[in-house]
């Protein structure tokens, strides 16, 4: 394998981290008290030329945990009128996270990465809900970094001059249907496309691979 091919891996590109795009729909803003109602995760892959693209998708509707707070305004916003409806096909949050974590660990290992890192739009929100749900479920093998994330709202502000997901996608040339928004599945798929576009656009501009900086000792010996 050539040096160039070695660089064109997720392991090399993100310093050993495996990026996973996540979106959640919830019954409020407080991760400790409010219900997690929907979650989707999209793993990423990189081709031999170093172009990033979405790979595998896993999505669940989630039943509110016992004692969870359900904020009416939040339910109206995301369109989940009845979180307890059997028509949702919802599963316990522990089941949803176990399956998602299992997929992530498998793909992370296959890519030779040491830890997964969450990619999300306004990432602190999604990260906090996933971490709280994992703690409630007593899941010990959480693949995500405990605090580091890649926030596509911040990255879009830098690369595209937009921070709203729909506007950032439009600026990047990614189709976005506002009627489908606030579904975890739809928003995660669009966020994955957006993140890949930003990373690939940086590559097109010459930002990857990065030329290693010579150390002072190397420069001295050459002089």
N, C-alpha and C. Protein backbone atom coordinates (compact mmCIF):
# COMPACT_ATOMS: atom_id res chain seq x y z
N UNK A 1 0.85 -1.21 0.00
CA UNK A 1 0.00 0.00 0.00
C UNK A 1 0.88 1.25 0.00
N UNK A 2 0.60 2.18 -0.93
CA UNK A 2 1.41 3.37 -1.06
C UNK A 2 1.17 4.33 0.10
N UNK A 3 2.09 5.30 0.24
CA UNK A 3 1.93 6.29 1.29
C UNK A 3 0.65 7.09 1.06
N UNK A 4 0.34 7.42 -0.21
CA UNK A 4 -0.86 8.18 -0.52
C UNK A 4 -2.11 7.40 -0.12
N UNK A 5 -2.13 6.09 -0.42
CA UNK A 5 -3.27 5.26 -0.05
C UNK A 5 -3.41 5.17 1.46
N UNK A 6 -2.28 5.09 2.16
CA UNK A 6 -2.31 5.06 3.62
C UNK A 6 -2.98 6.30 4.19
N UNK A 7 -2.73 7.45 3.56
CA UNK A 7 -3.33 8.69 4.02
C UNK A 7 -4.83 8.72 3.75
N UNK A 8 -5.27 8.01 2.71
CA UNK A 8 -6.67 8.04 2.33
C UNK A 8 -7.48 7.00 3.10
N UNK A 9 -7.44 7.10 4.41
CA UNK A 9 -8.21 6.24 5.29
C UNK A 9 -8.85 7.10 6.38
N UNK A 10 -9.95 6.61 6.93
CA UNK A 10 -10.57 7.34 8.04
C UNK A 10 -9.61 7.45 9.22
N UNK A 11 -8.85 6.38 9.45
CA UNK A 11 -7.91 6.36 10.56
C UNK A 11 -6.90 7.48 10.44
N UNK A 12 -6.36 7.68 9.25
CA UNK A 12 -5.37 8.72 9.04
C UNK A 12 -6.00 10.11 8.99
N UNK A 13 -7.16 10.19 8.35
CA UNK A 13 -7.78 11.49 8.13
C UNK A 13 -8.25 12.15 9.43
N UNK A 14 -8.73 11.32 10.38
CA UNK A 14 -9.30 11.88 11.61
C UNK A 14 -8.54 11.43 12.86
N UNK A 15 -7.24 11.24 12.71
CA UNK A 15 -6.35 10.98 13.84
C UNK A 15 -6.81 9.80 14.70
N UNK A 16 -7.22 8.73 14.02
CA UNK A 16 -7.62 7.53 14.74
C UNK A 16 -9.07 7.50 15.17
N UNK A 17 -9.80 8.59 14.92
CA UNK A 17 -11.22 8.63 15.28
C UNK A 17 -12.08 8.15 14.11
N UNK A 18 -13.18 7.49 14.45
CA UNK A 18 -14.14 6.99 13.48
C UNK A 18 -15.38 7.88 13.55
N UNK A 19 -15.62 8.74 12.55
CA UNK A 19 -16.76 9.66 12.61
C UNK A 19 -18.08 8.95 12.32
N UNK A 20 -19.08 9.20 13.17
CA UNK A 20 -20.41 8.64 13.01
C UNK A 20 -21.42 9.77 13.11
N UNK A 21 -22.27 9.90 12.10
CA UNK A 21 -23.25 10.98 12.08
C UNK A 21 -24.50 10.54 12.84
N UNK A 22 -24.99 11.40 13.73
CA UNK A 22 -26.12 11.06 14.60
C UNK A 22 -27.12 12.21 14.62
N UNK A 23 -28.40 11.84 14.68
CA UNK A 23 -29.43 12.83 14.98
C UNK A 23 -30.45 12.19 15.90
N UNK A 24 -30.98 12.96 16.83
CA UNK A 24 -32.02 12.48 17.75
C UNK A 24 -33.21 13.42 17.69
N UNK A 25 -34.39 12.85 17.94
CA UNK A 25 -35.59 13.64 18.19
C UNK A 25 -35.99 13.37 19.64
N UNK A 26 -36.38 14.41 20.35
CA UNK A 26 -36.60 14.30 21.78
C UNK A 26 -37.90 14.99 22.20
N UNK A 27 -38.25 14.80 23.47
CA UNK A 27 -39.45 15.43 24.03
C UNK A 27 -39.11 16.65 24.86
N UNK A 28 -38.00 17.30 24.55
CA UNK A 28 -37.58 18.48 25.28
C UNK A 28 -36.10 18.73 25.10
N UNK A 29 -35.56 19.65 25.89
CA UNK A 29 -34.16 20.05 25.76
C UNK A 29 -33.26 19.54 26.88
N UNK A 30 -33.86 18.97 27.92
CA UNK A 30 -33.08 18.50 29.07
C UNK A 30 -32.78 17.01 28.92
N UNK A 31 -31.53 16.67 28.65
CA UNK A 31 -31.16 15.29 28.39
C UNK A 31 -31.35 14.39 29.60
N UNK A 32 -31.32 14.97 30.80
CA UNK A 32 -31.46 14.17 32.02
C UNK A 32 -32.91 13.79 32.31
N UNK A 33 -33.84 14.64 31.90
CA UNK A 33 -35.24 14.41 32.28
C UNK A 33 -36.17 14.14 31.12
N UNK A 34 -35.85 14.61 29.92
CA UNK A 34 -36.77 14.54 28.79
C UNK A 34 -36.50 13.31 27.92
N UNK A 35 -37.56 12.79 27.34
CA UNK A 35 -37.48 11.51 26.62
C UNK A 35 -36.70 11.62 25.31
N UNK A 36 -35.92 10.59 25.05
CA UNK A 36 -35.34 10.35 23.74
C UNK A 36 -36.38 9.58 22.94
N UNK A 37 -36.79 10.09 21.78
CA UNK A 37 -37.90 9.51 21.04
C UNK A 37 -37.51 8.90 19.69
N UNK A 38 -36.37 9.28 19.16
CA UNK A 38 -35.94 8.75 17.86
C UNK A 38 -34.45 8.96 17.74
N UNK A 39 -33.77 8.00 17.13
CA UNK A 39 -32.34 8.13 16.93
C UNK A 39 -31.93 7.46 15.63
N UNK A 40 -31.00 8.07 14.94
CA UNK A 40 -30.44 7.49 13.72
C UNK A 40 -28.94 7.71 13.72
N UNK A 41 -28.22 6.73 13.21
CA UNK A 41 -26.77 6.84 13.07
C UNK A 41 -26.37 6.42 11.66
N UNK A 42 -25.46 7.17 11.07
CA UNK A 42 -24.93 6.85 9.75
C UNK A 42 -23.41 6.76 9.86
N UNK A 43 -22.84 5.60 9.53
CA UNK A 43 -21.39 5.47 9.51
C UNK A 43 -20.86 5.99 8.17
N UNK A 44 -19.59 6.27 8.13
CA UNK A 44 -18.97 6.83 6.93
C UNK A 44 -17.85 5.91 6.43
N UNK A 45 -17.49 6.09 5.17
CA UNK A 45 -16.37 5.35 4.61
C UNK A 45 -15.61 6.27 3.66
N UNK A 46 -14.40 5.85 3.32
CA UNK A 46 -13.56 6.64 2.43
C UNK A 46 -13.07 5.74 1.30
N UNK A 47 -13.15 6.23 0.06
CA UNK A 47 -12.68 5.40 -1.06
C UNK A 47 -11.17 5.49 -1.19
N UNK A 48 -10.62 4.79 -2.17
CA UNK A 48 -9.16 4.70 -2.31
C UNK A 48 -8.50 6.03 -2.63
N UNK A 49 -9.29 6.98 -3.13
CA UNK A 49 -8.76 8.30 -3.46
C UNK A 49 -8.97 9.31 -2.33
N UNK A 50 -9.56 8.85 -1.23
CA UNK A 50 -9.71 9.72 -0.07
C UNK A 50 -10.98 10.53 -0.04
N UNK A 51 -11.97 10.17 -0.84
CA UNK A 51 -13.24 10.90 -0.81
C UNK A 51 -14.18 10.26 0.20
N UNK A 52 -14.75 11.09 1.05
CA UNK A 52 -15.60 10.63 2.14
C UNK A 52 -17.05 10.50 1.67
N UNK A 53 -17.75 9.46 2.14
CA UNK A 53 -19.14 9.23 1.75
C UNK A 53 -19.89 8.47 2.83
N UNK A 54 -21.23 8.59 2.85
CA UNK A 54 -22.03 7.81 3.81
C UNK A 54 -21.92 6.32 3.52
N UNK A 55 -22.08 5.52 4.58
CA UNK A 55 -21.98 4.07 4.41
C UNK A 55 -23.25 3.39 4.94
N UNK A 56 -23.25 2.99 6.19
CA UNK A 56 -24.37 2.22 6.74
C UNK A 56 -25.27 3.10 7.62
N UNK A 57 -26.57 2.78 7.62
CA UNK A 57 -27.56 3.54 8.38
C UNK A 57 -28.32 2.63 9.33
N UNK A 58 -28.54 3.09 10.56
CA UNK A 58 -29.38 2.38 11.52
C UNK A 58 -30.29 3.39 12.20
N UNK A 59 -31.59 3.05 12.27
CA UNK A 59 -32.59 4.00 12.74
C UNK A 59 -33.59 3.31 13.65
N UNK A 60 -33.99 3.99 14.75
CA UNK A 60 -34.98 3.46 15.67
C UNK A 60 -35.93 4.56 16.13
N UNK A 61 -37.22 4.21 16.25
CA UNK A 61 -38.14 4.99 17.07
C UNK A 61 -37.99 4.46 18.49
N UNK A 62 -38.01 5.37 19.45
CA UNK A 62 -37.68 5.00 20.83
C UNK A 62 -38.86 5.32 21.76
N UNK A 63 -39.17 4.38 22.64
CA UNK A 63 -40.22 4.58 23.64
C UNK A 63 -39.67 5.42 24.79
N UNK A 64 -40.47 6.33 25.33
CA UNK A 64 -40.00 7.14 26.47
C UNK A 64 -39.60 6.26 27.65
N UNK A 65 -38.50 6.60 28.29
CA UNK A 65 -38.11 5.84 29.48
C UNK A 65 -39.07 6.15 30.62
N UNK A 66 -39.12 5.27 31.59
CA UNK A 66 -40.05 5.42 32.69
C UNK A 66 -39.80 6.73 33.45
N UNK A 67 -40.84 7.53 33.61
CA UNK A 67 -40.73 8.79 34.32
C UNK A 67 -40.25 9.95 33.47
N UNK A 68 -40.08 9.72 32.17
CA UNK A 68 -39.57 10.78 31.29
C UNK A 68 -40.55 11.94 31.17
N UNK A 69 -40.02 13.13 31.05
CA UNK A 69 -40.82 14.33 30.82
C UNK A 69 -41.11 14.45 29.33
N UNK A 70 -42.35 14.80 29.01
CA UNK A 70 -42.76 15.00 27.62
C UNK A 70 -43.26 16.44 27.48
N UNK A 71 -42.47 17.27 26.85
CA UNK A 71 -42.83 18.68 26.70
C UNK A 71 -43.72 18.83 25.45
N UNK A 72 -44.91 19.37 25.66
CA UNK A 72 -45.90 19.47 24.58
C UNK A 72 -45.35 20.20 23.36
N UNK A 73 -44.68 21.32 23.59
CA UNK A 73 -44.15 22.13 22.48
C UNK A 73 -43.12 21.34 21.66
N UNK A 74 -42.32 20.52 22.33
CA UNK A 74 -41.32 19.73 21.64
C UNK A 74 -41.97 18.67 20.76
N UNK A 75 -43.05 18.06 21.26
CA UNK A 75 -43.76 17.05 20.48
C UNK A 75 -44.44 17.68 19.26
N UNK A 76 -44.96 18.87 19.42
CA UNK A 76 -45.57 19.57 18.29
C UNK A 76 -44.52 19.94 17.24
N UNK A 77 -43.33 20.29 17.72
CA UNK A 77 -42.26 20.69 16.81
C UNK A 77 -41.79 19.52 15.96
N UNK A 78 -41.58 18.34 16.58
CA UNK A 78 -41.05 17.22 15.81
C UNK A 78 -42.14 16.32 15.22
N UNK A 79 -43.40 16.63 15.52
CA UNK A 79 -44.50 15.89 14.91
C UNK A 79 -44.80 14.54 15.53
N UNK A 80 -44.19 14.22 16.67
CA UNK A 80 -44.46 12.95 17.34
C UNK A 80 -45.61 13.20 18.33
N UNK A 81 -46.81 13.13 17.84
CA UNK A 81 -47.98 13.52 18.64
C UNK A 81 -48.21 12.59 19.82
N UNK A 82 -48.04 11.28 19.58
CA UNK A 82 -48.27 10.31 20.65
C UNK A 82 -47.06 9.37 20.75
N UNK A 83 -46.12 9.67 21.65
CA UNK A 83 -44.92 8.84 21.78
C UNK A 83 -45.21 7.40 22.19
N UNK A 84 -46.41 7.14 22.72
CA UNK A 84 -46.76 5.80 23.20
C UNK A 84 -47.57 5.00 22.18
N UNK A 85 -47.81 5.58 21.02
CA UNK A 85 -48.60 4.88 20.00
C UNK A 85 -47.87 3.62 19.53
N UNK A 86 -48.57 2.47 19.51
CA UNK A 86 -47.95 1.23 19.02
C UNK A 86 -47.60 1.29 17.54
N UNK A 87 -48.22 2.21 16.83
CA UNK A 87 -47.94 2.37 15.40
C UNK A 87 -46.52 2.87 15.15
N UNK A 88 -45.88 3.44 16.17
CA UNK A 88 -44.51 3.93 16.00
C UNK A 88 -43.51 2.78 15.90
N UNK A 89 -43.87 1.63 16.44
CA UNK A 89 -42.92 0.51 16.45
C UNK A 89 -41.69 0.82 17.28
N UNK A 90 -41.90 1.55 18.37
CA UNK A 90 -40.78 2.02 19.19
C UNK A 90 -40.19 0.91 20.05
N UNK A 91 -38.89 1.04 20.31
CA UNK A 91 -38.17 0.09 21.17
C UNK A 91 -37.61 0.84 22.37
N UNK A 92 -37.23 0.12 23.40
CA UNK A 92 -36.59 0.74 24.56
C UNK A 92 -35.28 1.39 24.13
N UNK A 93 -34.93 2.49 24.80
CA UNK A 93 -33.69 3.19 24.42
C UNK A 93 -32.46 2.30 24.61
N UNK A 94 -32.51 1.39 25.57
CA UNK A 94 -31.37 0.50 25.78
C UNK A 94 -31.17 -0.41 24.58
N UNK A 95 -32.27 -0.92 24.00
CA UNK A 95 -32.18 -1.77 22.82
C UNK A 95 -31.63 -0.98 21.63
N UNK A 96 -32.17 0.21 21.42
CA UNK A 96 -31.72 1.03 20.30
C UNK A 96 -30.22 1.33 20.39
N UNK A 97 -29.77 1.73 21.56
CA UNK A 97 -28.36 2.08 21.71
C UNK A 97 -27.45 0.86 21.62
N UNK A 98 -27.88 -0.27 22.17
CA UNK A 98 -27.08 -1.48 22.07
C UNK A 98 -26.82 -1.85 20.61
N UNK A 99 -27.87 -1.80 19.80
CA UNK A 99 -27.74 -2.16 18.38
C UNK A 99 -26.88 -1.15 17.62
N UNK A 100 -27.10 0.13 17.90
CA UNK A 100 -26.30 1.16 17.23
C UNK A 100 -24.84 1.07 17.65
N UNK A 101 -24.59 0.90 18.94
CA UNK A 101 -23.22 0.80 19.43
C UNK A 101 -22.52 -0.43 18.85
N UNK A 102 -23.28 -1.53 18.71
CA UNK A 102 -22.70 -2.75 18.16
C UNK A 102 -22.24 -2.52 16.71
N UNK A 103 -23.08 -1.86 15.92
CA UNK A 103 -22.71 -1.54 14.55
C UNK A 103 -21.49 -0.63 14.51
N UNK A 104 -21.50 0.40 15.35
CA UNK A 104 -20.39 1.36 15.34
C UNK A 104 -19.08 0.68 15.72
N UNK A 105 -19.10 -0.15 16.77
CA UNK A 105 -17.87 -0.83 17.18
C UNK A 105 -17.33 -1.73 16.09
N UNK A 106 -18.23 -2.41 15.38
CA UNK A 106 -17.82 -3.28 14.28
C UNK A 106 -17.15 -2.49 13.17
N UNK A 107 -17.78 -1.39 12.76
CA UNK A 107 -17.23 -0.58 11.68
C UNK A 107 -15.97 0.15 12.12
N UNK A 108 -15.94 0.59 13.34
CA UNK A 108 -14.76 1.25 13.89
C UNK A 108 -13.55 0.31 13.84
N UNK A 109 -13.75 -0.92 14.26
CA UNK A 109 -12.67 -1.91 14.24
C UNK A 109 -12.22 -2.20 12.81
N UNK A 110 -13.17 -2.31 11.89
CA UNK A 110 -12.83 -2.60 10.50
C UNK A 110 -11.98 -1.49 9.88
N UNK A 111 -12.18 -0.26 10.37
CA UNK A 111 -11.42 0.88 9.85
C UNK A 111 -10.12 1.11 10.60
N UNK A 112 -9.85 0.29 11.60
CA UNK A 112 -8.60 0.42 12.35
C UNK A 112 -8.57 1.63 13.25
N UNK A 113 -9.75 2.16 13.64
CA UNK A 113 -9.82 3.34 14.50
C UNK A 113 -9.90 2.93 15.97
N UNK A 114 -9.47 3.83 16.85
CA UNK A 114 -9.45 3.53 18.28
C UNK A 114 -10.70 4.00 19.01
N UNK A 115 -11.38 5.02 18.49
CA UNK A 115 -12.54 5.60 19.18
C UNK A 115 -13.45 6.24 18.15
N UNK A 116 -14.74 6.24 18.42
CA UNK A 116 -15.68 6.91 17.54
C UNK A 116 -15.93 8.34 18.03
N UNK A 117 -16.26 9.20 17.09
CA UNK A 117 -16.54 10.59 17.43
C UNK A 117 -17.85 10.97 16.75
N UNK A 118 -18.73 11.61 17.51
CA UNK A 118 -20.05 11.94 16.99
C UNK A 118 -20.00 13.16 16.08
N UNK A 119 -20.66 13.05 14.93
CA UNK A 119 -20.87 14.17 14.02
C UNK A 119 -22.36 14.50 14.08
N UNK A 120 -22.69 15.74 14.36
CA UNK A 120 -24.11 16.12 14.46
C UNK A 120 -24.25 17.62 14.26
N UNK A 121 -25.48 18.02 13.92
CA UNK A 121 -25.75 19.44 13.73
C UNK A 121 -26.20 20.02 15.06
N UNK A 122 -25.42 20.97 15.59
CA UNK A 122 -25.54 21.41 16.99
C UNK A 122 -25.28 20.20 17.88
N UNK A 123 -24.07 19.70 17.76
CA UNK A 123 -23.72 18.37 18.27
C UNK A 123 -23.87 18.20 19.78
N UNK A 124 -23.70 19.25 20.53
CA UNK A 124 -23.80 19.11 21.99
C UNK A 124 -25.16 18.57 22.41
N UNK A 125 -26.20 18.96 21.70
CA UNK A 125 -27.56 18.50 22.01
C UNK A 125 -27.67 16.99 21.82
N UNK A 126 -27.33 16.50 20.63
CA UNK A 126 -27.45 15.07 20.34
C UNK A 126 -26.52 14.24 21.23
N UNK A 127 -25.30 14.75 21.41
CA UNK A 127 -24.32 14.04 22.23
C UNK A 127 -24.83 13.89 23.66
N UNK A 128 -25.41 14.94 24.22
CA UNK A 128 -25.87 14.88 25.60
C UNK A 128 -26.99 13.86 25.77
N UNK A 129 -27.91 13.78 24.81
CA UNK A 129 -29.01 12.83 24.92
C UNK A 129 -28.53 11.39 24.78
N UNK A 130 -27.59 11.16 23.86
CA UNK A 130 -27.07 9.80 23.70
C UNK A 130 -26.30 9.37 24.94
N UNK A 131 -25.50 10.25 25.49
CA UNK A 131 -24.72 9.90 26.67
C UNK A 131 -25.60 9.65 27.89
N UNK A 132 -26.62 10.46 28.08
CA UNK A 132 -27.53 10.26 29.21
C UNK A 132 -28.31 8.95 29.05
N UNK A 133 -28.76 8.65 27.83
CA UNK A 133 -29.49 7.41 27.60
C UNK A 133 -28.60 6.20 27.82
N UNK A 134 -27.34 6.30 27.41
CA UNK A 134 -26.39 5.21 27.62
C UNK A 134 -26.15 4.99 29.11
N UNK A 135 -26.08 6.08 29.86
CA UNK A 135 -25.88 5.96 31.31
C UNK A 135 -27.11 5.37 31.99
N UNK A 136 -28.30 5.80 31.58
CA UNK A 136 -29.52 5.23 32.14
C UNK A 136 -29.61 3.73 31.87
N UNK A 137 -29.13 3.33 30.70
CA UNK A 137 -29.19 1.93 30.30
C UNK A 137 -28.01 1.12 30.82
N UNK A 138 -27.11 1.77 31.54
CA UNK A 138 -25.92 1.13 32.11
C UNK A 138 -25.09 0.42 31.04
N UNK A 139 -24.94 1.07 29.89
CA UNK A 139 -24.14 0.51 28.81
C UNK A 139 -22.68 0.87 29.02
N UNK A 140 -21.85 -0.12 29.17
CA UNK A 140 -20.44 0.11 29.49
C UNK A 140 -19.57 0.30 28.25
N UNK A 141 -20.01 -0.22 27.12
CA UNK A 141 -19.17 -0.17 25.92
C UNK A 141 -19.67 0.90 24.96
N UNK A 142 -19.67 2.13 25.44
CA UNK A 142 -20.06 3.26 24.62
C UNK A 142 -18.88 3.65 23.73
N UNK A 143 -19.02 3.55 22.41
CA UNK A 143 -17.87 3.81 21.52
C UNK A 143 -17.53 5.29 21.36
N UNK A 144 -18.45 6.18 21.75
CA UNK A 144 -18.24 7.60 21.48
C UNK A 144 -17.30 8.26 22.48
N UNK A 145 -16.52 9.21 21.98
CA UNK A 145 -15.69 10.03 22.85
C UNK A 145 -16.61 10.73 23.86
N UNK A 146 -16.21 10.83 25.11
CA UNK A 146 -17.10 11.37 26.14
C UNK A 146 -17.45 12.85 25.99
N UNK A 147 -16.65 13.62 25.24
CA UNK A 147 -17.01 15.03 25.10
C UNK A 147 -16.69 15.63 23.73
N UNK A 148 -15.75 15.09 22.99
CA UNK A 148 -15.38 15.66 21.69
C UNK A 148 -16.41 15.31 20.63
N UNK A 149 -16.69 16.26 19.74
CA UNK A 149 -17.63 16.05 18.64
C UNK A 149 -17.16 16.83 17.41
N UNK A 150 -17.74 16.51 16.26
CA UNK A 150 -17.65 17.35 15.08
C UNK A 150 -19.03 17.97 14.87
N UNK A 151 -19.12 19.29 15.00
CA UNK A 151 -20.39 19.99 14.91
C UNK A 151 -20.55 20.57 13.51
N UNK A 152 -21.51 20.05 12.73
CA UNK A 152 -21.67 20.53 11.36
C UNK A 152 -22.27 21.94 11.32
N UNK A 153 -22.90 22.39 12.39
CA UNK A 153 -23.36 23.78 12.41
C UNK A 153 -22.17 24.73 12.39
N UNK A 154 -21.17 24.43 13.21
CA UNK A 154 -19.95 25.26 13.24
C UNK A 154 -19.16 25.11 11.94
N UNK A 155 -19.02 23.88 11.46
CA UNK A 155 -18.27 23.65 10.23
C UNK A 155 -18.95 24.32 9.04
N UNK A 156 -20.28 24.30 9.01
CA UNK A 156 -21.02 24.94 7.92
C UNK A 156 -20.89 26.45 7.98
N UNK A 157 -20.86 26.99 9.19
CA UNK A 157 -20.65 28.42 9.33
C UNK A 157 -19.32 28.84 8.74
N UNK A 158 -18.29 28.02 8.96
CA UNK A 158 -16.96 28.30 8.43
C UNK A 158 -16.90 28.11 6.92
N UNK A 159 -17.38 26.96 6.45
CA UNK A 159 -17.19 26.58 5.05
C UNK A 159 -18.24 27.16 4.11
N UNK A 160 -19.46 27.41 4.63
CA UNK A 160 -20.56 27.77 3.74
C UNK A 160 -21.25 29.08 4.12
N UNK A 161 -20.91 29.64 5.28
CA UNK A 161 -21.56 30.87 5.71
C UNK A 161 -22.98 30.67 6.18
N UNK A 162 -23.33 29.42 6.51
CA UNK A 162 -24.67 29.10 6.99
C UNK A 162 -24.56 28.18 8.20
N UNK A 163 -25.49 28.31 9.15
CA UNK A 163 -25.48 27.43 10.32
C UNK A 163 -26.75 26.61 10.44
N UNK A 164 -27.84 27.01 9.78
CA UNK A 164 -29.08 26.24 9.78
C UNK A 164 -28.91 25.08 8.79
N UNK A 165 -29.32 23.88 9.21
CA UNK A 165 -29.09 22.69 8.38
C UNK A 165 -29.67 22.83 6.98
N UNK A 166 -30.92 23.25 6.87
CA UNK A 166 -31.55 23.36 5.55
C UNK A 166 -30.81 24.35 4.65
N UNK A 167 -30.41 25.50 5.23
CA UNK A 167 -29.72 26.52 4.44
C UNK A 167 -28.30 26.08 4.08
N UNK A 168 -27.65 25.39 4.99
CA UNK A 168 -26.31 24.89 4.70
C UNK A 168 -26.35 23.86 3.57
N UNK A 169 -27.35 22.98 3.62
CA UNK A 169 -27.49 21.99 2.55
C UNK A 169 -27.76 22.67 1.21
N UNK A 170 -28.65 23.65 1.21
CA UNK A 170 -28.96 24.36 -0.03
C UNK A 170 -27.72 25.04 -0.60
N UNK A 171 -26.93 25.67 0.26
CA UNK A 171 -25.71 26.33 -0.19
C UNK A 171 -24.70 25.33 -0.74
N UNK A 172 -24.68 24.13 -0.16
CA UNK A 172 -23.75 23.09 -0.60
C UNK A 172 -24.26 22.32 -1.81
N UNK A 173 -25.49 22.63 -2.26
CA UNK A 173 -26.05 21.92 -3.41
C UNK A 173 -26.67 20.59 -3.07
N UNK A 174 -27.04 20.41 -1.78
CA UNK A 174 -27.67 19.17 -1.32
C UNK A 174 -29.17 19.41 -1.19
N UNK A 175 -29.96 18.58 -1.86
CA UNK A 175 -31.42 18.73 -1.80
C UNK A 175 -31.91 18.57 -0.37
N UNK A 176 -32.82 19.45 0.04
CA UNK A 176 -33.38 19.38 1.40
C UNK A 176 -34.85 19.71 1.34
N UNK A 177 -35.69 18.77 1.81
CA UNK A 177 -37.13 18.94 1.82
C UNK A 177 -37.58 19.27 3.24
N UNK A 178 -38.02 20.50 3.45
CA UNK A 178 -38.42 20.93 4.79
C UNK A 178 -39.61 20.13 5.33
N UNK A 179 -40.38 19.51 4.44
CA UNK A 179 -41.50 18.70 4.89
C UNK A 179 -41.02 17.41 5.55
N UNK A 180 -39.81 16.99 5.23
CA UNK A 180 -39.24 15.76 5.81
C UNK A 180 -38.36 16.05 7.03
N UNK A 181 -38.09 17.33 7.27
CA UNK A 181 -37.19 17.71 8.36
C UNK A 181 -37.76 17.33 9.72
N UNK A 182 -36.87 17.22 10.70
CA UNK A 182 -37.20 16.85 12.07
C UNK A 182 -37.63 15.39 12.19
N UNK A 183 -37.25 14.61 11.19
CA UNK A 183 -37.23 13.15 11.30
C UNK A 183 -35.77 12.79 11.49
N UNK A 184 -35.47 11.97 12.50
CA UNK A 184 -34.07 11.64 12.77
C UNK A 184 -33.41 10.99 11.56
N UNK A 185 -34.15 10.13 10.87
CA UNK A 185 -33.59 9.45 9.70
C UNK A 185 -33.23 10.44 8.62
N UNK A 186 -34.17 11.32 8.27
CA UNK A 186 -33.94 12.29 7.21
C UNK A 186 -32.82 13.26 7.57
N UNK A 187 -32.88 13.81 8.77
CA UNK A 187 -31.88 14.80 9.18
C UNK A 187 -30.48 14.19 9.27
N UNK A 188 -30.39 12.95 9.71
CA UNK A 188 -29.07 12.31 9.80
C UNK A 188 -28.49 12.09 8.41
N UNK A 189 -29.31 11.65 7.48
CA UNK A 189 -28.82 11.41 6.11
C UNK A 189 -28.36 12.71 5.47
N UNK A 190 -29.09 13.79 5.69
CA UNK A 190 -28.68 15.08 5.11
C UNK A 190 -27.41 15.61 5.82
N UNK A 191 -27.34 15.43 7.13
CA UNK A 191 -26.16 15.87 7.87
C UNK A 191 -24.93 15.09 7.42
N UNK A 192 -25.10 13.80 7.16
CA UNK A 192 -23.97 12.99 6.67
C UNK A 192 -23.49 13.50 5.32
N UNK A 193 -24.43 13.80 4.43
CA UNK A 193 -24.05 14.35 3.13
C UNK A 193 -23.33 15.68 3.29
N UNK A 194 -23.83 16.51 4.19
CA UNK A 194 -23.23 17.83 4.42
C UNK A 194 -21.81 17.70 4.96
N UNK A 195 -21.61 16.85 5.96
CA UNK A 195 -20.28 16.67 6.52
C UNK A 195 -19.31 16.16 5.46
N UNK A 196 -19.75 15.18 4.67
CA UNK A 196 -18.88 14.66 3.61
C UNK A 196 -18.54 15.73 2.59
N UNK A 197 -19.52 16.55 2.25
CA UNK A 197 -19.28 17.63 1.29
C UNK A 197 -18.25 18.61 1.82
N UNK A 198 -18.33 18.98 3.10
CA UNK A 198 -17.38 19.93 3.67
C UNK A 198 -15.98 19.33 3.70
N UNK A 199 -15.86 18.08 4.14
CA UNK A 199 -14.55 17.41 4.19
C UNK A 199 -13.97 17.27 2.78
N UNK A 200 -14.80 16.87 1.83
CA UNK A 200 -14.33 16.68 0.46
C UNK A 200 -13.99 18.01 -0.21
N UNK A 201 -14.74 19.05 0.11
CA UNK A 201 -14.45 20.36 -0.45
C UNK A 201 -13.10 20.86 0.05
N UNK A 202 -12.80 20.61 1.31
CA UNK A 202 -11.50 20.98 1.86
C UNK A 202 -10.39 20.24 1.13
N UNK A 203 -10.61 18.98 0.82
CA UNK A 203 -9.63 18.19 0.08
C UNK A 203 -9.41 18.77 -1.32
N UNK A 204 -10.51 19.16 -1.98
CA UNK A 204 -10.41 19.74 -3.32
C UNK A 204 -9.60 21.04 -3.31
N UNK A 205 -9.69 21.76 -2.20
CA UNK A 205 -8.96 23.03 -2.08
C UNK A 205 -7.49 22.83 -1.72
N UNK A 206 -7.11 21.58 -1.53
CA UNK A 206 -5.71 21.29 -1.22
C UNK A 206 -5.43 21.13 0.26
N UNK A 207 -6.47 21.06 1.08
CA UNK A 207 -6.27 20.96 2.52
C UNK A 207 -5.97 19.57 3.03
N UNK A 208 -5.99 18.57 2.14
CA UNK A 208 -5.67 17.20 2.54
C UNK A 208 -5.11 16.47 1.34
N UNK A 209 -4.02 15.71 1.47
CA UNK A 209 -3.31 15.46 2.74
C UNK A 209 -2.48 16.65 3.20
N UNK A 210 -2.30 16.72 4.49
CA UNK A 210 -1.51 17.80 5.08
C UNK A 210 -0.04 17.46 4.95
N UNK A 211 0.74 18.43 4.50
CA UNK A 211 2.19 18.22 4.40
C UNK A 211 2.79 18.27 5.81
N UNK A 212 3.49 17.22 6.24
CA UNK A 212 4.06 17.21 7.60
C UNK A 212 5.02 18.38 7.81
N UNK A 213 4.96 18.98 8.98
CA UNK A 213 5.86 20.07 9.33
C UNK A 213 7.14 19.47 9.89
N UNK A 214 8.28 19.91 9.38
CA UNK A 214 9.56 19.39 9.85
C UNK A 214 9.81 19.86 11.27
N UNK A 215 10.34 18.96 12.07
CA UNK A 215 10.69 19.34 13.43
C UNK A 215 11.94 20.20 13.44
N UNK A 216 12.19 20.91 14.55
CA UNK A 216 13.37 21.77 14.65
C UNK A 216 14.64 20.96 14.48
N UNK A 217 14.65 19.74 15.01
CA UNK A 217 15.87 18.91 14.93
C UNK A 217 16.16 18.52 13.49
N UNK A 218 15.08 18.22 12.73
CA UNK A 218 15.26 17.85 11.33
C UNK A 218 15.78 19.04 10.53
N UNK A 219 15.22 20.22 10.78
CA UNK A 219 15.66 21.41 10.08
C UNK A 219 17.11 21.73 10.41
N UNK A 220 17.50 21.57 11.68
CA UNK A 220 18.86 21.86 12.09
C UNK A 220 19.85 20.93 11.41
N UNK A 221 19.51 19.63 11.33
CA UNK A 221 20.43 18.66 10.74
C UNK A 221 20.61 18.91 9.26
N UNK A 222 19.50 19.38 8.61
CA UNK A 222 19.62 19.66 7.17
C UNK A 222 20.46 20.90 6.93
N UNK A 223 20.40 21.86 7.85
CA UNK A 223 21.21 23.07 7.70
C UNK A 223 22.67 22.76 7.90
